[in-house]
Amino acid sequence: AICKSFTCGLWTLFHILTLAAADMPVQPPSAFLGTDEPRKAPPEENLLRIRGFAKNFFGCSVCSEHFLETFDSCAYGRCELKGDDGVGAALWLSQVHNVVNARVAQESSGSQGQWPPHKTCESCWKTDDEWEPTAVYSFLRRTYLPAPASDFLLDFDTWQSICLVVVMMILVCFAWRACQGPRHGKKM
């Protein structure tokens, strides 16, 4: 198994969602939920949903604050992304994930290197500190979503339905965890 913790599972879910949105064809603006507001492109909408999850449901308040600060400050070029830039959204999330890993490793005196590891994907790195975006995106795809999203999701409405089911499953997990008692200082 790739993940051994709840937090790892959430990051995995977030990566899968951004990669699947990158694969989805961009839908033209149309009425959404009976309003005259156009739909946002799935990649932009996914990042907003991930932000909403971090704000409203993530159990670690310090982790949530860090994520919201990163998101809202447009760190790592998030605000320069076009709404339909699925590759950019997936790479942005991966960069944020690496920053979180580095902070957690520093706070816990651990040593978690950047992802993907140099030994696993040498072509992903231009230098020790700078990655090659095209190679990293390909590696993300092979790791988290080896088949095209179109193999799983036929249209935008199906995509929304699946996202709703996933969010409901996460809420059920949180309700279950809340019934289990308090957690002790787990960090993102």
N, C-alpha and C. Protein backbone atom coordinates (compact mmCIF):
# COMPACT_ATOMS: atom_id res chain seq x y z
N ALA A 1 0.84 -1.19 0.00
CA ALA A 1 0.00 0.00 0.00
C ALA A 1 0.88 1.25 0.00
N ILE A 2 0.43 2.27 -0.71
CA ILE A 2 1.16 3.52 -0.77
C ILE A 2 1.04 4.27 0.55
N CYS A 3 -0.15 4.27 1.13
CA CYS A 3 -0.41 5.07 2.32
C CYS A 3 -0.62 4.23 3.57
N LYS A 4 -0.12 4.78 4.66
CA LYS A 4 -0.33 4.13 5.95
C LYS A 4 -1.01 5.07 6.94
N SER A 5 -1.39 6.27 6.49
CA SER A 5 -2.04 7.23 7.39
C SER A 5 -3.21 7.89 6.69
N PHE A 6 -4.09 8.43 7.52
CA PHE A 6 -5.26 9.15 7.02
C PHE A 6 -4.84 10.34 6.17
N THR A 7 -3.85 11.09 6.65
CA THR A 7 -3.39 12.28 5.93
C THR A 7 -2.82 11.91 4.56
N CYS A 8 -2.05 10.85 4.50
CA CYS A 8 -1.51 10.39 3.22
C CYS A 8 -2.66 10.04 2.27
N GLY A 9 -3.69 9.40 2.78
CA GLY A 9 -4.84 9.07 1.97
C GLY A 9 -5.53 10.31 1.41
N LEU A 10 -5.61 11.37 2.23
CA LEU A 10 -6.21 12.62 1.74
C LEU A 10 -5.38 13.24 0.63
N TRP A 11 -4.05 13.30 0.83
CA TRP A 11 -3.19 13.85 -0.22
C TRP A 11 -3.33 13.03 -1.49
N THR A 12 -3.41 11.71 -1.36
CA THR A 12 -3.58 10.86 -2.53
C THR A 12 -4.89 11.19 -3.25
N LEU A 13 -5.96 11.33 -2.48
CA LEU A 13 -7.24 11.70 -3.07
C LEU A 13 -7.14 13.05 -3.78
N PHE A 14 -6.51 14.02 -3.15
CA PHE A 14 -6.37 15.34 -3.76
C PHE A 14 -5.57 15.26 -5.08
N HIS A 15 -4.51 14.47 -5.09
CA HIS A 15 -3.73 14.30 -6.32
C HIS A 15 -4.59 13.64 -7.41
N ILE A 16 -5.33 12.62 -7.06
CA ILE A 16 -6.18 11.94 -8.04
C ILE A 16 -7.21 12.91 -8.61
N LEU A 17 -7.82 13.72 -7.75
CA LEU A 17 -8.83 14.67 -8.22
C LEU A 17 -8.24 15.69 -9.19
N THR A 18 -7.05 16.22 -8.86
CA THR A 18 -6.47 17.22 -9.77
C THR A 18 -6.04 16.58 -11.10
N LEU A 19 -5.52 15.38 -11.04
CA LEU A 19 -5.11 14.70 -12.28
C LEU A 19 -6.32 14.33 -13.14
N ALA A 20 -7.38 13.87 -12.51
CA ALA A 20 -8.59 13.52 -13.26
C ALA A 20 -9.18 14.77 -13.92
N ALA A 21 -9.16 15.89 -13.21
CA ALA A 21 -9.68 17.13 -13.78
C ALA A 21 -8.83 17.59 -14.96
N ALA A 22 -7.53 17.33 -14.89
CA ALA A 22 -6.65 17.72 -15.99
C ALA A 22 -7.00 16.93 -17.25
N ASP A 23 -7.50 15.72 -17.08
CA ASP A 23 -7.86 14.87 -18.21
C ASP A 23 -9.23 15.20 -18.80
N MET A 24 -10.07 15.83 -18.00
CA MET A 24 -11.44 16.08 -18.45
C MET A 24 -11.48 17.18 -19.49
N PRO A 25 -12.30 17.01 -20.52
CA PRO A 25 -12.45 18.09 -21.49
C PRO A 25 -13.10 19.29 -20.83
N VAL A 26 -12.69 20.48 -21.22
CA VAL A 26 -13.24 21.70 -20.65
C VAL A 26 -14.67 21.87 -21.16
N GLN A 27 -15.57 22.12 -20.23
CA GLN A 27 -16.98 22.29 -20.57
C GLN A 27 -17.26 23.76 -20.86
N PRO A 28 -18.06 24.05 -21.87
CA PRO A 28 -18.41 25.44 -22.13
C PRO A 28 -19.28 25.98 -21.00
N PRO A 29 -19.24 27.29 -20.77
CA PRO A 29 -20.09 27.86 -19.71
C PRO A 29 -21.55 27.51 -19.95
N SER A 30 -22.23 27.15 -18.88
CA SER A 30 -23.66 26.86 -18.96
C SER A 30 -24.26 27.09 -17.59
N ALA A 31 -25.57 27.12 -17.51
CA ALA A 31 -26.23 27.34 -16.23
C ALA A 31 -25.91 26.18 -15.29
N PHE A 32 -25.69 26.49 -14.03
CA PHE A 32 -25.33 25.47 -13.05
C PHE A 32 -26.28 25.57 -11.87
N LEU A 33 -26.93 24.48 -11.52
CA LEU A 33 -27.88 24.42 -10.41
C LEU A 33 -28.98 25.47 -10.54
N GLY A 34 -29.44 25.70 -11.76
CA GLY A 34 -30.54 26.61 -11.98
C GLY A 34 -30.19 28.08 -11.88
N THR A 35 -28.93 28.41 -11.81
CA THR A 35 -28.54 29.82 -11.77
C THR A 35 -28.00 30.22 -13.13
N ASP A 36 -27.74 31.49 -13.30
CA ASP A 36 -27.17 31.97 -14.55
C ASP A 36 -25.65 32.00 -14.51
N GLU A 37 -25.07 31.48 -13.46
CA GLU A 37 -23.63 31.52 -13.30
C GLU A 37 -22.98 30.41 -14.14
N PRO A 38 -21.92 30.74 -14.86
CA PRO A 38 -21.25 29.70 -15.65
C PRO A 38 -20.48 28.75 -14.73
N ARG A 39 -20.29 27.53 -15.20
CA ARG A 39 -19.47 26.57 -14.47
C ARG A 39 -18.01 26.99 -14.57
N LYS A 40 -17.28 26.74 -13.53
CA LYS A 40 -15.83 26.94 -13.60
C LYS A 40 -15.23 25.70 -14.22
N ALA A 41 -14.08 25.86 -14.82
CA ALA A 41 -13.39 24.71 -15.38
C ALA A 41 -13.04 23.75 -14.26
N PRO A 42 -13.14 22.45 -14.48
CA PRO A 42 -12.88 21.48 -13.43
C PRO A 42 -11.56 21.66 -12.66
N PRO A 43 -10.41 21.95 -13.29
CA PRO A 43 -9.19 22.09 -12.49
C PRO A 43 -9.28 23.21 -11.45
N GLU A 44 -9.78 24.35 -11.85
CA GLU A 44 -9.93 25.47 -10.91
C GLU A 44 -10.92 25.11 -9.81
N GLU A 45 -12.02 24.50 -10.21
CA GLU A 45 -13.04 24.11 -9.25
C GLU A 45 -12.50 23.09 -8.25
N ASN A 46 -11.70 22.15 -8.73
CA ASN A 46 -11.11 21.16 -7.83
C ASN A 46 -10.22 21.81 -6.78
N LEU A 47 -9.38 22.75 -7.20
CA LEU A 47 -8.53 23.43 -6.22
C LEU A 47 -9.38 24.18 -5.19
N LEU A 48 -10.47 24.80 -5.64
CA LEU A 48 -11.35 25.49 -4.70
C LEU A 48 -12.03 24.51 -3.74
N ARG A 49 -12.38 23.33 -4.25
CA ARG A 49 -13.00 22.32 -3.37
C ARG A 49 -11.99 21.77 -2.36
N ILE A 50 -10.76 21.58 -2.81
CA ILE A 50 -9.72 21.12 -1.89
C ILE A 50 -9.50 22.18 -0.80
N ARG A 51 -9.50 23.45 -1.20
CA ARG A 51 -9.37 24.55 -0.23
C ARG A 51 -10.54 24.49 0.77
N GLY A 52 -11.75 24.33 0.25
CA GLY A 52 -12.93 24.25 1.12
C GLY A 52 -12.85 23.09 2.09
N PHE A 53 -12.35 21.97 1.62
CA PHE A 53 -12.18 20.81 2.51
C PHE A 53 -11.18 21.14 3.61
N ALA A 54 -10.05 21.72 3.24
CA ALA A 54 -9.02 22.06 4.24
C ALA A 54 -9.58 23.05 5.26
N LYS A 55 -10.37 23.99 4.80
CA LYS A 55 -10.93 25.01 5.70
C LYS A 55 -11.98 24.44 6.65
N ASN A 56 -12.86 23.61 6.12
CA ASN A 56 -14.03 23.21 6.89
C ASN A 56 -13.97 21.84 7.55
N PHE A 57 -13.12 20.94 7.03
CA PHE A 57 -13.20 19.57 7.51
C PHE A 57 -11.89 18.97 8.00
N PHE A 58 -10.76 19.56 7.67
CA PHE A 58 -9.51 18.92 8.06
C PHE A 58 -9.34 19.01 9.56
N GLY A 59 -9.01 17.91 10.21
CA GLY A 59 -8.97 17.84 11.66
C GLY A 59 -7.81 18.56 12.32
N CYS A 60 -6.77 18.84 11.60
CA CYS A 60 -5.59 19.51 12.15
C CYS A 60 -5.70 21.00 11.83
N SER A 61 -6.00 21.82 12.84
CA SER A 61 -6.23 23.25 12.58
C SER A 61 -4.96 23.96 12.10
N VAL A 62 -3.80 23.58 12.64
CA VAL A 62 -2.54 24.19 12.20
C VAL A 62 -2.29 23.86 10.73
N CYS A 63 -2.52 22.62 10.35
CA CYS A 63 -2.34 22.19 8.96
C CYS A 63 -3.29 22.94 8.05
N SER A 64 -4.52 23.07 8.48
CA SER A 64 -5.52 23.79 7.70
C SER A 64 -5.11 25.24 7.50
N GLU A 65 -4.64 25.89 8.57
CA GLU A 65 -4.20 27.28 8.47
C GLU A 65 -3.04 27.42 7.50
N HIS A 66 -2.08 26.51 7.57
CA HIS A 66 -0.94 26.55 6.64
C HIS A 66 -1.43 26.42 5.19
N PHE A 67 -2.33 25.47 4.94
CA PHE A 67 -2.81 25.27 3.58
C PHE A 67 -3.56 26.50 3.09
N LEU A 68 -4.45 27.04 3.92
CA LEU A 68 -5.23 28.21 3.51
C LEU A 68 -4.33 29.41 3.26
N GLU A 69 -3.31 29.58 4.09
CA GLU A 69 -2.36 30.68 3.89
C GLU A 69 -1.64 30.52 2.54
N THR A 70 -1.22 29.31 2.25
CA THR A 70 -0.54 29.04 0.98
C THR A 70 -1.48 29.30 -0.19
N PHE A 71 -2.70 28.79 -0.11
CA PHE A 71 -3.67 28.95 -1.18
C PHE A 71 -4.04 30.41 -1.39
N ASP A 72 -4.45 31.07 -0.30
CA ASP A 72 -4.97 32.44 -0.40
C ASP A 72 -3.91 33.48 -0.74
N SER A 73 -2.65 33.17 -0.46
CA SER A 73 -1.58 34.12 -0.79
C SER A 73 -1.07 33.93 -2.22
N CYS A 74 -1.68 33.01 -2.93
CA CYS A 74 -1.30 32.72 -4.32
C CYS A 74 0.13 32.20 -4.42
N ALA A 75 0.60 31.57 -3.37
CA ALA A 75 1.96 31.03 -3.35
C ALA A 75 2.17 30.05 -4.50
N TYR A 76 3.40 30.01 -4.98
CA TYR A 76 3.84 29.08 -6.02
C TYR A 76 3.08 29.26 -7.33
N GLY A 77 2.60 30.47 -7.56
CA GLY A 77 1.98 30.80 -8.83
C GLY A 77 0.55 30.33 -9.03
N ARG A 78 -0.15 29.99 -7.95
CA ARG A 78 -1.52 29.48 -8.10
C ARG A 78 -2.41 30.48 -8.83
N CYS A 79 -2.32 31.75 -8.50
CA CYS A 79 -3.23 32.73 -9.11
C CYS A 79 -2.90 33.03 -10.57
N GLU A 80 -1.73 32.61 -11.01
CA GLU A 80 -1.38 32.79 -12.43
C GLU A 80 -1.92 31.65 -13.30
N LEU A 81 -2.42 30.59 -12.66
CA LEU A 81 -2.96 29.47 -13.43
C LEU A 81 -4.26 29.87 -14.10
N LYS A 82 -4.44 29.44 -15.33
CA LYS A 82 -5.72 29.63 -16.00
C LYS A 82 -6.70 28.61 -15.42
N GLY A 83 -7.98 28.94 -15.45
CA GLY A 83 -9.00 28.07 -14.87
C GLY A 83 -9.03 26.67 -15.42
N ASP A 84 -8.61 26.52 -16.68
CA ASP A 84 -8.65 25.19 -17.29
C ASP A 84 -7.28 24.52 -17.35
N ASP A 85 -6.31 25.05 -16.62
CA ASP A 85 -4.94 24.50 -16.63
C ASP A 85 -4.83 23.35 -15.64
N GLY A 86 -5.28 22.18 -16.08
CA GLY A 86 -5.24 21.01 -15.22
C GLY A 86 -3.83 20.55 -14.88
N VAL A 87 -2.93 20.64 -15.85
CA VAL A 87 -1.54 20.25 -15.59
C VAL A 87 -0.94 21.19 -14.55
N GLY A 88 -1.17 22.49 -14.71
CA GLY A 88 -0.66 23.46 -13.75
C GLY A 88 -1.23 23.24 -12.36
N ALA A 89 -2.54 22.92 -12.27
CA ALA A 89 -3.17 22.68 -10.96
C ALA A 89 -2.56 21.45 -10.29
N ALA A 90 -2.35 20.39 -11.06
CA ALA A 90 -1.76 19.16 -10.51
C ALA A 90 -0.33 19.41 -10.04
N LEU A 91 0.44 20.17 -10.82
CA LEU A 91 1.83 20.48 -10.43
C LEU A 91 1.85 21.42 -9.23
N TRP A 92 0.91 22.37 -9.17
CA TRP A 92 0.85 23.27 -8.02
C TRP A 92 0.60 22.46 -6.74
N LEU A 93 -0.38 21.56 -6.78
CA LEU A 93 -0.69 20.75 -5.60
C LEU A 93 0.51 19.90 -5.20
N SER A 94 1.22 19.36 -6.17
CA SER A 94 2.40 18.55 -5.87
C SER A 94 3.48 19.40 -5.20
N GLN A 95 3.65 20.62 -5.68
CA GLN A 95 4.64 21.51 -5.07
C GLN A 95 4.25 21.85 -3.63
N VAL A 96 2.98 22.13 -3.41
CA VAL A 96 2.51 22.42 -2.05
C VAL A 96 2.72 21.20 -1.16
N HIS A 97 2.43 20.02 -1.68
CA HIS A 97 2.62 18.80 -0.91
C HIS A 97 4.09 18.64 -0.50
N ASN A 98 5.01 18.93 -1.43
CA ASN A 98 6.43 18.86 -1.09
C ASN A 98 6.80 19.86 0.00
N VAL A 99 6.22 21.06 -0.05
CA VAL A 99 6.50 22.06 0.98
C VAL A 99 5.98 21.58 2.34
N VAL A 100 4.79 20.99 2.34
CA VAL A 100 4.22 20.44 3.58
C VAL A 100 5.13 19.33 4.12
N ASN A 101 5.56 18.42 3.24
CA ASN A 101 6.45 17.34 3.67
C ASN A 101 7.73 17.90 4.29
N ALA A 102 8.30 18.92 3.68
CA ALA A 102 9.53 19.52 4.20
C ALA A 102 9.29 20.15 5.57
N ARG A 103 8.15 20.85 5.74
CA ARG A 103 7.85 21.48 7.03
C ARG A 103 7.64 20.42 8.11
N VAL A 104 6.88 19.37 7.79
CA VAL A 104 6.63 18.31 8.77
C VAL A 104 7.94 17.62 9.14
N ALA A 105 8.79 17.35 8.15
CA ALA A 105 10.09 16.71 8.43
C ALA A 105 10.93 17.60 9.33
N GLN A 106 10.93 18.90 9.09
CA GLN A 106 11.71 19.83 9.91
C GLN A 106 11.17 19.89 11.34
N GLU A 107 9.84 19.94 11.47
CA GLU A 107 9.23 20.03 12.79
C GLU A 107 9.42 18.74 13.59
N SER A 108 9.51 17.62 12.91
CA SER A 108 9.65 16.35 13.61
C SER A 108 11.08 15.82 13.58
N SER A 109 12.01 16.64 13.13
CA SER A 109 13.42 16.26 12.99
C SER A 109 13.59 15.02 12.13
N GLY A 110 12.68 14.84 11.20
CA GLY A 110 12.76 13.71 10.29
C GLY A 110 13.44 14.13 9.00
N SER A 111 13.48 13.22 8.08
CA SER A 111 14.09 13.55 6.80
C SER A 111 13.25 12.95 5.68
N GLN A 112 12.30 13.73 5.23
CA GLN A 112 11.49 13.30 4.10
C GLN A 112 11.91 14.13 2.91
N GLY A 113 12.45 13.48 1.90
CA GLY A 113 12.95 14.18 0.74
C GLY A 113 11.84 14.65 -0.17
N GLN A 114 12.22 15.38 -1.20
CA GLN A 114 11.26 15.86 -2.17
C GLN A 114 10.72 14.69 -2.99
N TRP A 115 9.54 14.89 -3.53
CA TRP A 115 8.89 13.86 -4.30
C TRP A 115 8.68 14.39 -5.70
N PRO A 116 8.85 13.61 -6.72
CA PRO A 116 9.31 12.23 -6.68
C PRO A 116 10.79 12.13 -6.34
N PRO A 117 11.19 11.04 -5.70
CA PRO A 117 12.61 10.86 -5.35
C PRO A 117 13.49 10.83 -6.59
N HIS A 118 14.68 11.39 -6.47
CA HIS A 118 15.63 11.39 -7.58
C HIS A 118 15.88 9.99 -8.11
N LYS A 119 16.02 9.03 -7.21
CA LYS A 119 16.35 7.67 -7.64
C LYS A 119 15.20 7.00 -8.39
N THR A 120 13.96 7.44 -8.13
CA THR A 120 12.80 6.86 -8.80
C THR A 120 12.52 7.53 -10.14
N CYS A 121 12.84 8.82 -10.23
CA CYS A 121 12.56 9.57 -11.46
C CYS A 121 13.67 10.59 -11.70
N GLU A 122 14.77 10.11 -12.24
CA GLU A 122 15.90 11.01 -12.51
C GLU A 122 15.53 12.11 -13.50
N SER A 123 14.69 11.80 -14.48
CA SER A 123 14.31 12.79 -15.48
C SER A 123 13.41 13.89 -14.91
N CYS A 124 12.90 13.69 -13.70
CA CYS A 124 12.02 14.68 -13.08
C CYS A 124 12.79 15.89 -12.54
N TRP A 125 14.11 15.79 -12.48
CA TRP A 125 14.89 16.83 -11.84
C TRP A 125 15.91 17.44 -12.79
N LYS A 126 15.86 18.78 -12.93
CA LYS A 126 16.88 19.51 -13.71
C LYS A 126 18.15 19.62 -12.86
N THR A 127 17.94 19.98 -11.58
CA THR A 127 19.02 20.08 -10.60
C THR A 127 18.50 19.44 -9.32
N ASP A 128 19.27 19.49 -8.25
CA ASP A 128 18.81 18.93 -6.98
C ASP A 128 17.60 19.67 -6.43
N ASP A 129 17.44 20.95 -6.81
CA ASP A 129 16.34 21.77 -6.27
C ASP A 129 15.26 22.12 -7.28
N GLU A 130 15.48 21.87 -8.55
CA GLU A 130 14.54 22.31 -9.58
C GLU A 130 14.04 21.10 -10.38
N TRP A 131 12.72 20.98 -10.45
CA TRP A 131 12.16 19.86 -11.18
C TRP A 131 11.84 20.21 -12.63
N GLU A 132 11.65 19.17 -13.43
CA GLU A 132 11.26 19.29 -14.83
C GLU A 132 9.75 19.04 -14.88
N PRO A 133 8.94 20.10 -15.10
CA PRO A 133 7.48 19.98 -14.98
C PRO A 133 6.85 18.87 -15.83
N THR A 134 7.26 18.73 -17.07
CA THR A 134 6.65 17.71 -17.94
C THR A 134 6.91 16.31 -17.40
N ALA A 135 8.12 16.06 -16.96
CA ALA A 135 8.47 14.73 -16.42
C ALA A 135 7.75 14.48 -15.10
N VAL A 136 7.65 15.51 -14.25
CA VAL A 136 6.96 15.34 -12.96
C VAL A 136 5.49 15.06 -13.20
N TYR A 137 4.87 15.78 -14.12
CA TYR A 137 3.45 15.54 -14.41
C TYR A 137 3.25 14.10 -14.92
N SER A 138 4.11 13.65 -15.80
CA SER A 138 4.01 12.27 -16.30
C SER A 138 4.16 11.27 -15.16
N PHE A 139 5.07 11.55 -14.25
CA PHE A 139 5.28 10.67 -13.10
C PHE A 139 4.04 10.67 -12.20
N LEU A 140 3.46 11.85 -11.97
CA LEU A 140 2.22 11.94 -11.17
C LEU A 140 1.13 11.10 -11.82
N ARG A 141 0.98 11.22 -13.13
CA ARG A 141 -0.04 10.46 -13.85
C ARG A 141 0.17 8.96 -13.70
N ARG A 142 1.40 8.51 -13.90
CA ARG A 142 1.69 7.07 -13.79
C ARG A 142 1.44 6.57 -12.36
N THR A 143 1.71 7.42 -11.38
CA THR A 143 1.58 7.01 -9.99
C THR A 143 0.13 7.01 -9.50
N TYR A 144 -0.58 8.09 -9.77
CA TYR A 144 -1.91 8.28 -9.18
C TYR A 144 -3.08 7.98 -10.11
N LEU A 145 -2.88 8.09 -11.41
CA LEU A 145 -3.99 7.92 -12.33
C LEU A 145 -3.48 7.32 -13.64
N PRO A 146 -3.12 6.04 -13.60
CA PRO A 146 -2.49 5.43 -14.77
C PRO A 146 -3.39 5.34 -16.01
N ALA A 147 -4.70 5.32 -15.84
CA ALA A 147 -5.61 5.30 -16.99
C ALA A 147 -6.19 6.70 -17.17
N PRO A 148 -6.53 7.10 -18.38
CA PRO A 148 -7.13 8.42 -18.58
C PRO A 148 -8.42 8.56 -17.80
N ALA A 149 -8.66 9.74 -17.27
CA ALA A 149 -9.90 9.99 -16.52
C ALA A 149 -11.12 9.70 -17.38
N SER A 150 -11.01 9.91 -18.69
CA SER A 150 -12.15 9.66 -19.57
C SER A 150 -12.57 8.19 -19.56
N ASP A 151 -11.67 7.30 -19.15
CA ASP A 151 -12.04 5.90 -19.02
C ASP A 151 -13.01 5.68 -17.85
N PHE A 152 -12.98 6.60 -16.89
CA PHE A 152 -13.80 6.47 -15.69
C PHE A 152 -14.97 7.45 -15.67
N LEU A 153 -14.76 8.64 -16.21
CA LEU A 153 -15.74 9.71 -16.10
C LEU A 153 -16.16 10.15 -17.50
N LEU A 154 -17.44 10.08 -17.76
CA LEU A 154 -17.88 10.35 -19.12
C LEU A 154 -18.16 11.81 -19.40
N ASP A 155 -18.66 12.54 -18.42
CA ASP A 155 -18.98 13.94 -18.66
C ASP A 155 -18.88 14.72 -17.36
N PHE A 156 -19.08 16.02 -17.45
CA PHE A 156 -18.93 16.89 -16.29
C PHE A 156 -19.93 16.54 -15.19
N ASP A 157 -21.18 16.21 -15.56
CA ASP A 157 -22.19 15.87 -14.56
C ASP A 157 -21.82 14.60 -13.80
N THR A 158 -21.28 13.62 -14.51
CA THR A 158 -20.82 12.40 -13.85
C THR A 158 -19.67 12.73 -12.92
N TRP A 159 -18.75 13.58 -13.40
CA TRP A 159 -17.61 14.02 -12.59
C TRP A 159 -18.10 14.66 -11.29
N GLN A 160 -19.09 15.55 -11.37
CA GLN A 160 -19.62 16.19 -10.18
C GLN A 160 -20.25 15.17 -9.24
N SER A 161 -20.95 14.20 -9.79
CA SER A 161 -21.59 13.18 -8.96
C SER A 161 -20.55 12.37 -8.20
N ILE A 162 -19.48 12.00 -8.87
CA ILE A 162 -18.43 11.23 -8.21
C ILE A 162 -17.77 12.07 -7.12
N CYS A 163 -17.51 13.34 -7.40
CA CYS A 163 -16.92 14.21 -6.37
C CYS A 163 -17.83 14.31 -5.16
N LEU A 164 -19.14 14.42 -5.39
CA LEU A 164 -20.09 14.48 -4.30
C LEU A 164 -20.04 13.21 -3.46
N VAL A 165 -19.99 12.05 -4.11
CA VAL A 165 -19.90 10.78 -3.39
C VAL A 165 -18.61 10.72 -2.57
N VAL A 166 -17.50 11.15 -3.15
CA VAL A 166 -16.22 11.14 -2.43
C VAL A 166 -16.29 12.05 -1.21
N VAL A 167 -16.85 13.24 -1.37
CA VAL A 167 -16.98 14.17 -0.24
C VAL A 167 -17.86 13.55 0.84
N MET A 168 -18.96 12.91 0.44
CA MET A 168 -19.84 12.25 1.42
C MET A 168 -19.09 11.16 2.17
N MET A 169 -18.27 10.39 1.46
CA MET A 169 -17.48 9.33 2.11
C MET A 169 -16.51 9.94 3.12
N ILE A 170 -15.89 11.04 2.76
CA ILE A 170 -14.95 11.71 3.67
C ILE A 170 -15.69 12.21 4.90
N LEU A 171 -16.87 12.78 4.72
CA LEU A 171 -17.66 13.27 5.86
C LEU A 171 -18.04 12.12 6.79
N VAL A 172 -18.40 10.98 6.21
CA VAL A 172 -18.72 9.80 7.04
C VAL A 172 -17.48 9.39 7.84
N CYS A 173 -16.30 9.41 7.20
CA CYS A 173 -15.06 9.08 7.90
C CYS A 173 -14.81 10.04 9.06
N PHE A 174 -15.04 11.32 8.83
CA PHE A 174 -14.84 12.30 9.89
C PHE A 174 -15.83 12.10 11.03
N ALA A 175 -17.08 11.81 10.70
CA ALA A 175 -18.07 11.55 11.74
C ALA A 175 -17.67 10.33 12.56
N TRP A 176 -17.20 9.30 11.88
CA TRP A 176 -16.75 8.09 12.58
C TRP A 176 -15.56 8.41 13.49
N ARG A 177 -14.60 9.16 12.95
CA ARG A 177 -13.42 9.52 13.74
C ARG A 177 -13.80 10.37 14.95
N ALA A 178 -14.77 11.26 14.79
CA ALA A 178 -15.22 12.11 15.89
C ALA A 178 -15.81 11.26 17.01
N CYS A 179 -16.49 10.19 16.64
CA CYS A 179 -17.08 9.29 17.64
C CYS A 179 -16.02 8.47 18.37
N GLN A 180 -14.83 8.36 17.80
CA GLN A 180 -13.76 7.57 18.40
C GLN A 180 -13.02 8.30 19.51
N GLY A 181 -13.26 9.59 19.67
CA GLY A 181 -12.59 10.36 20.71
C GLY A 181 -11.55 11.29 20.15
N PRO A 182 -10.93 12.08 21.02
CA PRO A 182 -9.95 13.09 20.56
C PRO A 182 -8.68 12.46 20.02
N ARG A 183 -8.07 13.18 19.07
CA ARG A 183 -6.77 12.76 18.52
C ARG A 183 -5.69 13.50 19.26
N HIS A 184 -4.51 12.98 19.21
CA HIS A 184 -3.42 13.57 19.97
C HIS A 184 -2.37 14.18 19.06
N GLY A 185 -2.54 15.46 18.71
CA GLY A 185 -1.52 16.24 18.05
C GLY A 185 -1.06 15.73 16.68
N LYS A 186 -1.92 15.06 15.95
CA LYS A 186 -1.51 14.61 14.62
C LYS A 186 -1.39 15.83 13.70
N LYS A 187 -0.32 15.86 12.91
CA LYS A 187 -0.09 16.97 12.00
C LYS A 187 -0.13 16.50 10.58
N MET A 188 -0.41 17.44 9.70
CA MET A 188 -0.47 17.18 8.27
C MET A 188 0.91 17.02 7.72
